Amino acid sequence: MRAIAQGLFTDETPARLIGGKDRETGRIVFPCPASTGYEPVPLSREGTVWSFTVQRYRPKTPPYAGPDAFAPWVVAYVELPGEVIVEARLDEVAFADVKIGMPVRLAPSPLDPDDADSALIPAFVPAGAAA
């Protein structure tokens, strides 16, 4: 698995996101900062949609490094219980079917779904009854 940035995913299968636990406060953040003040910790693979929006226009480059041909996607804020809320793409669901509280699971996805060599980004898909 080639991630869009180092330190995003664990090496296990299935992969997990890597958060950072503040060594002083215990607060967890994502991604893990490159700092001695944070300890890398694997995050839960499952969570719920906390909030979302639909990205309907191509973001500015830089920082966006995706394909020139743009297709809208769901940007979800996923609550990983007791850990952190992460921003990620939500795949395999119609825009009208996305709901706050929907159960989801981590499923890293290519930044450019049409490119077999595309780097993987954090993404979630519906889980449980929502799948």
N, C-alpha and C. Protein backbone atom coordinates (compact mmCIF):
# COMPACT_ATOMS: atom_id res chain seq x y z
N MET A 1 0.85 -1.18 0.00
CA MET A 1 0.00 0.00 0.00
C MET A 1 0.89 1.24 0.00
N ARG A 2 0.66 2.12 -0.96
CA ARG A 2 1.42 3.38 -1.03
C ARG A 2 0.49 4.52 -0.64
N ALA A 3 0.71 5.05 0.54
CA ALA A 3 -0.12 6.13 1.06
C ALA A 3 0.31 7.47 0.47
N ILE A 4 -0.60 8.41 0.45
CA ILE A 4 -0.31 9.74 -0.07
C ILE A 4 0.71 10.47 0.80
N ALA A 5 0.83 10.06 2.07
CA ALA A 5 1.84 10.62 2.97
C ALA A 5 2.30 9.51 3.92
N GLN A 6 3.54 9.59 4.37
CA GLN A 6 4.06 8.58 5.28
C GLN A 6 3.38 8.71 6.64
N GLY A 7 3.21 7.56 7.30
CA GLY A 7 2.70 7.56 8.65
C GLY A 7 1.20 7.68 8.78
N LEU A 8 0.44 7.48 7.68
CA LEU A 8 -1.02 7.57 7.77
C LEU A 8 -1.66 6.26 8.16
N PHE A 9 -1.12 5.14 7.65
CA PHE A 9 -1.73 3.82 7.84
C PHE A 9 -0.77 2.85 8.52
N THR A 10 -1.33 1.91 9.28
CA THR A 10 -0.53 0.82 9.83
C THR A 10 -0.19 -0.15 8.70
N ASP A 11 0.75 -1.06 8.96
CA ASP A 11 1.15 -2.06 7.97
C ASP A 11 0.27 -3.30 8.01
N GLU A 12 -0.62 -3.41 8.99
CA GLU A 12 -1.45 -4.60 9.12
C GLU A 12 -2.56 -4.64 8.06
N THR A 13 -3.18 -5.82 7.92
CA THR A 13 -4.29 -5.99 6.97
C THR A 13 -5.50 -6.47 7.74
N PRO A 14 -6.60 -5.76 7.70
CA PRO A 14 -6.77 -4.46 7.05
C PRO A 14 -6.04 -3.35 7.82
N ALA A 15 -5.70 -2.32 7.09
CA ALA A 15 -4.95 -1.20 7.66
C ALA A 15 -5.82 -0.39 8.62
N ARG A 16 -5.14 0.35 9.46
CA ARG A 16 -5.78 1.30 10.36
C ARG A 16 -5.09 2.64 10.19
N LEU A 17 -5.78 3.72 10.53
CA LEU A 17 -5.15 5.04 10.55
C LEU A 17 -4.24 5.11 11.77
N ILE A 18 -3.20 5.94 11.66
CA ILE A 18 -2.30 6.15 12.79
C ILE A 18 -2.52 7.56 13.32
N GLY A 19 -2.98 7.63 14.56
CA GLY A 19 -3.14 8.91 15.23
C GLY A 19 -1.93 9.18 16.10
N GLY A 20 -1.96 10.33 16.75
CA GLY A 20 -0.90 10.69 17.67
C GLY A 20 -1.48 10.99 19.04
N LYS A 21 -0.96 10.33 20.06
CA LYS A 21 -1.43 10.56 21.43
C LYS A 21 -0.45 11.49 22.14
N ASP A 22 -0.97 12.63 22.58
CA ASP A 22 -0.15 13.61 23.29
C ASP A 22 0.38 12.96 24.57
N ARG A 23 1.68 12.95 24.73
CA ARG A 23 2.31 12.26 25.87
C ARG A 23 1.96 12.92 27.21
N GLU A 24 1.62 14.21 27.19
CA GLU A 24 1.29 14.90 28.44
C GLU A 24 -0.19 14.83 28.78
N THR A 25 -1.06 15.02 27.77
CA THR A 25 -2.49 15.13 28.05
C THR A 25 -3.28 13.88 27.70
N GLY A 26 -2.73 13.02 26.83
CA GLY A 26 -3.46 11.84 26.38
C GLY A 26 -4.41 12.12 25.23
N ARG A 27 -4.52 13.38 24.82
CA ARG A 27 -5.40 13.76 23.70
C ARG A 27 -4.88 13.13 22.42
N ILE A 28 -5.81 12.61 21.60
CA ILE A 28 -5.44 11.97 20.34
C ILE A 28 -5.77 12.91 19.18
N VAL A 29 -4.85 12.99 18.23
CA VAL A 29 -5.03 13.80 17.03
C VAL A 29 -4.74 12.94 15.80
N PHE A 30 -5.17 13.41 14.65
CA PHE A 30 -4.86 12.74 13.39
C PHE A 30 -4.57 13.80 12.36
N PRO A 31 -3.50 13.60 11.57
CA PRO A 31 -2.50 12.53 11.65
C PRO A 31 -1.55 12.76 12.82
N CYS A 32 -0.69 11.78 13.05
CA CYS A 32 0.27 11.87 14.15
C CYS A 32 1.34 12.90 13.80
N PRO A 33 1.50 13.94 14.63
CA PRO A 33 2.55 14.93 14.37
C PRO A 33 3.94 14.32 14.48
N ALA A 34 4.86 14.84 13.69
CA ALA A 34 6.26 14.40 13.76
C ALA A 34 6.91 15.16 14.91
N SER A 35 6.64 14.69 16.12
CA SER A 35 7.12 15.37 17.31
C SER A 35 7.33 14.34 18.42
N THR A 36 8.34 14.57 19.24
CA THR A 36 8.57 13.66 20.36
C THR A 36 7.47 13.78 21.41
N GLY A 37 6.64 14.81 21.31
CA GLY A 37 5.54 14.99 22.25
C GLY A 37 4.35 14.09 21.97
N TYR A 38 4.39 13.35 20.85
CA TYR A 38 3.27 12.48 20.47
C TYR A 38 3.75 11.05 20.26
N GLU A 39 2.93 10.12 20.70
CA GLU A 39 3.19 8.70 20.51
C GLU A 39 2.24 8.17 19.44
N PRO A 40 2.73 7.53 18.37
CA PRO A 40 1.83 6.98 17.36
C PRO A 40 0.94 5.89 17.96
N VAL A 41 -0.36 5.94 17.63
CA VAL A 41 -1.31 4.93 18.09
C VAL A 41 -2.24 4.54 16.94
N PRO A 42 -2.50 3.23 16.77
CA PRO A 42 -3.46 2.83 15.74
C PRO A 42 -4.87 3.20 16.19
N LEU A 43 -5.65 3.72 15.26
CA LEU A 43 -7.02 4.15 15.55
C LEU A 43 -8.02 3.06 15.17
N SER A 44 -9.21 3.19 15.67
CA SER A 44 -10.29 2.26 15.36
C SER A 44 -10.58 2.26 13.86
N ARG A 45 -10.94 1.12 13.32
CA ARG A 45 -11.31 1.01 11.90
C ARG A 45 -12.76 1.44 11.67
N GLU A 46 -13.55 1.49 12.73
CA GLU A 46 -14.98 1.78 12.59
C GLU A 46 -15.38 3.02 13.36
N GLY A 47 -16.34 3.74 12.80
CA GLY A 47 -16.84 4.95 13.45
C GLY A 47 -18.19 5.31 12.90
N THR A 48 -18.59 6.56 13.12
CA THR A 48 -19.87 7.06 12.60
C THR A 48 -19.66 8.41 11.95
N VAL A 49 -20.52 8.71 10.98
CA VAL A 49 -20.46 10.02 10.32
C VAL A 49 -20.92 11.07 11.33
N TRP A 50 -20.04 12.00 11.64
CA TRP A 50 -20.32 13.07 12.58
C TRP A 50 -20.91 14.27 11.85
N SER A 51 -20.38 14.54 10.65
CA SER A 51 -20.86 15.61 9.77
C SER A 51 -20.33 15.30 8.37
N PHE A 52 -20.87 15.98 7.36
CA PHE A 52 -20.39 15.74 6.00
C PHE A 52 -20.81 16.89 5.08
N THR A 53 -20.18 16.92 3.91
CA THR A 53 -20.56 17.82 2.83
C THR A 53 -20.18 17.13 1.53
N VAL A 54 -20.64 17.68 0.43
CA VAL A 54 -20.26 17.17 -0.89
C VAL A 54 -19.31 18.16 -1.53
N GLN A 55 -18.13 17.69 -1.90
CA GLN A 55 -17.14 18.51 -2.59
C GLN A 55 -17.55 18.55 -4.05
N ARG A 56 -18.10 19.65 -4.50
CA ARG A 56 -18.68 19.74 -5.85
C ARG A 56 -17.79 20.45 -6.86
N TYR A 57 -16.64 20.96 -6.44
CA TYR A 57 -15.72 21.62 -7.37
C TYR A 57 -14.30 21.15 -7.10
N ARG A 58 -13.47 21.23 -8.12
CA ARG A 58 -12.08 20.78 -8.00
C ARG A 58 -11.32 21.74 -7.09
N PRO A 59 -10.69 21.23 -6.02
CA PRO A 59 -9.90 22.09 -5.13
C PRO A 59 -8.70 22.70 -5.86
N LYS A 60 -8.17 23.77 -5.29
CA LYS A 60 -6.99 24.43 -5.85
C LYS A 60 -5.78 23.52 -5.80
N THR A 61 -4.92 23.68 -6.80
CA THR A 61 -3.65 22.98 -6.83
C THR A 61 -2.55 24.03 -6.73
N PRO A 62 -1.57 23.91 -5.83
CA PRO A 62 -1.56 23.00 -4.69
C PRO A 62 -2.55 23.47 -3.63
N PRO A 63 -2.91 22.66 -2.69
CA PRO A 63 -2.33 21.39 -2.30
C PRO A 63 -2.95 20.20 -3.01
N TYR A 64 -4.12 20.36 -3.67
CA TYR A 64 -4.78 19.21 -4.29
C TYR A 64 -3.90 18.62 -5.38
N ALA A 65 -3.73 17.30 -5.32
CA ALA A 65 -2.86 16.62 -6.28
C ALA A 65 -3.62 15.51 -7.00
N GLY A 66 -4.94 15.65 -7.07
CA GLY A 66 -5.76 14.61 -7.69
C GLY A 66 -5.86 14.78 -9.19
N PRO A 67 -6.72 13.98 -9.81
CA PRO A 67 -6.86 14.00 -11.27
C PRO A 67 -7.42 15.32 -11.78
N ASP A 68 -7.07 15.66 -13.03
CA ASP A 68 -7.60 16.87 -13.65
C ASP A 68 -9.11 16.75 -13.90
N ALA A 69 -9.55 15.56 -14.31
CA ALA A 69 -10.98 15.33 -14.52
C ALA A 69 -11.62 15.22 -13.14
N PHE A 70 -12.52 16.11 -12.83
CA PHE A 70 -13.09 16.17 -11.49
C PHE A 70 -14.46 15.50 -11.42
N ALA A 71 -14.67 14.73 -10.38
CA ALA A 71 -15.98 14.15 -10.07
C ALA A 71 -16.26 14.44 -8.60
N PRO A 72 -17.43 14.96 -8.25
CA PRO A 72 -17.74 15.27 -6.85
C PRO A 72 -17.62 14.05 -5.94
N TRP A 73 -17.33 14.29 -4.65
CA TRP A 73 -17.25 13.22 -3.66
C TRP A 73 -17.76 13.75 -2.32
N VAL A 74 -18.05 12.81 -1.42
CA VAL A 74 -18.48 13.17 -0.07
C VAL A 74 -17.26 13.33 0.81
N VAL A 75 -17.19 14.46 1.51
CA VAL A 75 -16.17 14.69 2.53
C VAL A 75 -16.88 14.49 3.86
N ALA A 76 -16.43 13.49 4.61
CA ALA A 76 -17.07 13.16 5.88
C ALA A 76 -16.13 13.44 7.04
N TYR A 77 -16.74 13.85 8.14
CA TYR A 77 -16.03 13.91 9.41
C TYR A 77 -16.51 12.69 10.17
N VAL A 78 -15.59 11.76 10.43
CA VAL A 78 -15.93 10.47 11.03
C VAL A 78 -15.44 10.45 12.47
N GLU A 79 -16.38 10.19 13.37
CA GLU A 79 -16.03 10.08 14.78
C GLU A 79 -15.59 8.66 15.08
N LEU A 80 -14.36 8.52 15.54
CA LEU A 80 -13.84 7.23 15.98
C LEU A 80 -14.01 7.24 17.50
N PRO A 81 -14.94 6.45 18.02
CA PRO A 81 -15.37 6.56 19.42
C PRO A 81 -14.23 6.57 20.43
N GLY A 82 -14.25 7.60 21.28
CA GLY A 82 -13.26 7.72 22.33
C GLY A 82 -11.88 8.12 21.85
N GLU A 83 -11.76 8.43 20.54
CA GLU A 83 -10.44 8.75 20.01
C GLU A 83 -10.39 10.15 19.40
N VAL A 84 -10.95 10.31 18.21
CA VAL A 84 -10.80 11.56 17.49
C VAL A 84 -11.82 11.61 16.35
N ILE A 85 -12.05 12.78 15.80
CA ILE A 85 -12.86 12.94 14.59
C ILE A 85 -11.89 13.20 13.45
N VAL A 86 -11.99 12.39 12.38
CA VAL A 86 -11.09 12.54 11.23
C VAL A 86 -11.88 12.97 10.00
N GLU A 87 -11.22 13.72 9.14
CA GLU A 87 -11.80 14.11 7.86
C GLU A 87 -11.31 13.13 6.81
N ALA A 88 -12.24 12.59 6.01
CA ALA A 88 -11.86 11.62 4.98
C ALA A 88 -12.95 11.57 3.92
N ARG A 89 -12.60 10.99 2.80
CA ARG A 89 -13.58 10.77 1.74
C ARG A 89 -14.51 9.64 2.15
N LEU A 90 -15.78 9.72 1.76
CA LEU A 90 -16.75 8.66 2.00
C LEU A 90 -17.13 8.09 0.64
N ASP A 91 -16.84 6.80 0.44
CA ASP A 91 -17.06 6.14 -0.84
C ASP A 91 -18.23 5.15 -0.76
N GLU A 92 -18.64 4.66 -1.92
CA GLU A 92 -19.63 3.59 -2.05
C GLU A 92 -20.99 3.93 -1.46
N VAL A 93 -21.39 5.21 -1.56
CA VAL A 93 -22.70 5.62 -1.08
C VAL A 93 -23.17 6.81 -1.92
N ALA A 94 -24.45 6.81 -2.26
CA ALA A 94 -25.05 7.93 -2.99
C ALA A 94 -25.10 9.15 -2.07
N PHE A 95 -24.91 10.31 -2.62
CA PHE A 95 -24.92 11.53 -1.82
C PHE A 95 -26.19 11.62 -0.96
N ALA A 96 -27.34 11.30 -1.55
CA ALA A 96 -28.61 11.42 -0.84
C ALA A 96 -28.76 10.41 0.30
N ASP A 97 -27.94 9.36 0.31
CA ASP A 97 -28.05 8.32 1.34
C ASP A 97 -27.14 8.54 2.54
N VAL A 98 -26.29 9.56 2.49
CA VAL A 98 -25.39 9.82 3.62
C VAL A 98 -26.20 10.44 4.75
N LYS A 99 -25.98 9.93 5.96
CA LYS A 99 -26.72 10.41 7.13
C LYS A 99 -25.76 10.60 8.30
N ILE A 100 -26.02 11.63 9.10
CA ILE A 100 -25.30 11.81 10.35
C ILE A 100 -25.57 10.58 11.22
N GLY A 101 -24.55 10.04 11.83
CA GLY A 101 -24.68 8.85 12.66
C GLY A 101 -24.54 7.54 11.91
N MET A 102 -24.40 7.59 10.57
CA MET A 102 -24.25 6.38 9.77
C MET A 102 -22.97 5.64 10.17
N PRO A 103 -23.06 4.32 10.42
CA PRO A 103 -21.85 3.57 10.73
C PRO A 103 -20.98 3.40 9.49
N VAL A 104 -19.68 3.56 9.66
CA VAL A 104 -18.73 3.44 8.55
C VAL A 104 -17.50 2.69 9.02
N ARG A 105 -16.73 2.16 8.04
CA ARG A 105 -15.47 1.49 8.35
C ARG A 105 -14.41 2.02 7.39
N LEU A 106 -13.17 1.98 7.85
CA LEU A 106 -12.04 2.46 7.06
C LEU A 106 -11.84 1.58 5.84
N ALA A 107 -11.67 2.20 4.68
CA ALA A 107 -11.38 1.50 3.43
C ALA A 107 -10.51 2.44 2.59
N PRO A 108 -9.18 2.47 2.85
CA PRO A 108 -8.31 3.37 2.09
C PRO A 108 -8.61 3.25 0.59
N SER A 109 -8.57 4.39 -0.08
CA SER A 109 -9.01 4.46 -1.47
C SER A 109 -7.99 5.24 -2.30
N PRO A 110 -7.86 4.91 -3.60
CA PRO A 110 -6.95 5.68 -4.45
C PRO A 110 -7.43 7.13 -4.59
N LEU A 111 -6.51 8.06 -4.53
CA LEU A 111 -6.84 9.47 -4.76
C LEU A 111 -7.51 9.61 -6.12
N ASP A 112 -6.96 8.94 -7.13
CA ASP A 112 -7.55 8.93 -8.47
C ASP A 112 -8.02 7.50 -8.76
N PRO A 113 -9.32 7.25 -8.63
CA PRO A 113 -9.84 5.89 -8.84
C PRO A 113 -9.57 5.31 -10.23
N ASP A 114 -9.27 6.17 -11.22
CA ASP A 114 -9.01 5.70 -12.58
C ASP A 114 -7.53 5.40 -12.84
N ASP A 115 -6.68 5.61 -11.83
CA ASP A 115 -5.24 5.39 -11.98
C ASP A 115 -4.80 4.26 -11.06
N ALA A 116 -4.39 3.14 -11.64
CA ALA A 116 -3.99 1.95 -10.87
C ALA A 116 -2.79 2.23 -9.97
N ASP A 117 -1.98 3.24 -10.28
CA ASP A 117 -0.80 3.57 -9.48
C ASP A 117 -1.04 4.72 -8.52
N SER A 118 -2.28 5.16 -8.37
CA SER A 118 -2.59 6.29 -7.51
C SER A 118 -2.31 5.99 -6.05
N ALA A 119 -1.83 6.98 -5.33
CA ALA A 119 -1.59 6.84 -3.89
C ALA A 119 -2.93 6.70 -3.16
N LEU A 120 -2.88 6.00 -2.02
CA LEU A 120 -4.09 5.80 -1.23
C LEU A 120 -4.28 6.93 -0.22
N ILE A 121 -5.55 7.28 -0.03
CA ILE A 121 -5.92 8.31 0.94
C ILE A 121 -6.87 7.70 1.97
N PRO A 122 -7.00 8.32 3.14
CA PRO A 122 -7.98 7.85 4.10
C PRO A 122 -9.40 7.97 3.52
N ALA A 123 -10.16 6.89 3.57
CA ALA A 123 -11.53 6.89 3.09
C ALA A 123 -12.32 5.88 3.93
N PHE A 124 -13.61 6.10 3.99
CA PHE A 124 -14.51 5.22 4.72
C PHE A 124 -15.63 4.79 3.78
N VAL A 125 -16.27 3.68 4.10
CA VAL A 125 -17.43 3.17 3.38
C VAL A 125 -18.50 2.81 4.41
N PRO A 126 -19.78 2.78 3.99
CA PRO A 126 -20.84 2.39 4.93
C PRO A 126 -20.57 1.00 5.51
N ALA A 127 -20.99 0.81 6.76
CA ALA A 127 -20.79 -0.46 7.46
C ALA A 127 -22.11 -0.90 8.08
N GLY A 128 -22.14 -2.15 8.49
CA GLY A 128 -23.33 -2.67 9.15
C GLY A 128 -24.57 -2.55 8.28
N ALA A 129 -25.66 -2.12 8.85
CA ALA A 129 -26.94 -2.00 8.13
C ALA A 129 -26.88 -0.94 7.04
N ALA A 130 -25.95 0.02 7.15
CA ALA A 130 -25.83 1.08 6.15
C ALA A 130 -25.14 0.62 4.88
N ALA A 131 -24.46 -0.55 4.93
CA ALA A 131 -23.69 -1.03 3.78
C ALA A 131 -24.58 -1.50 2.65
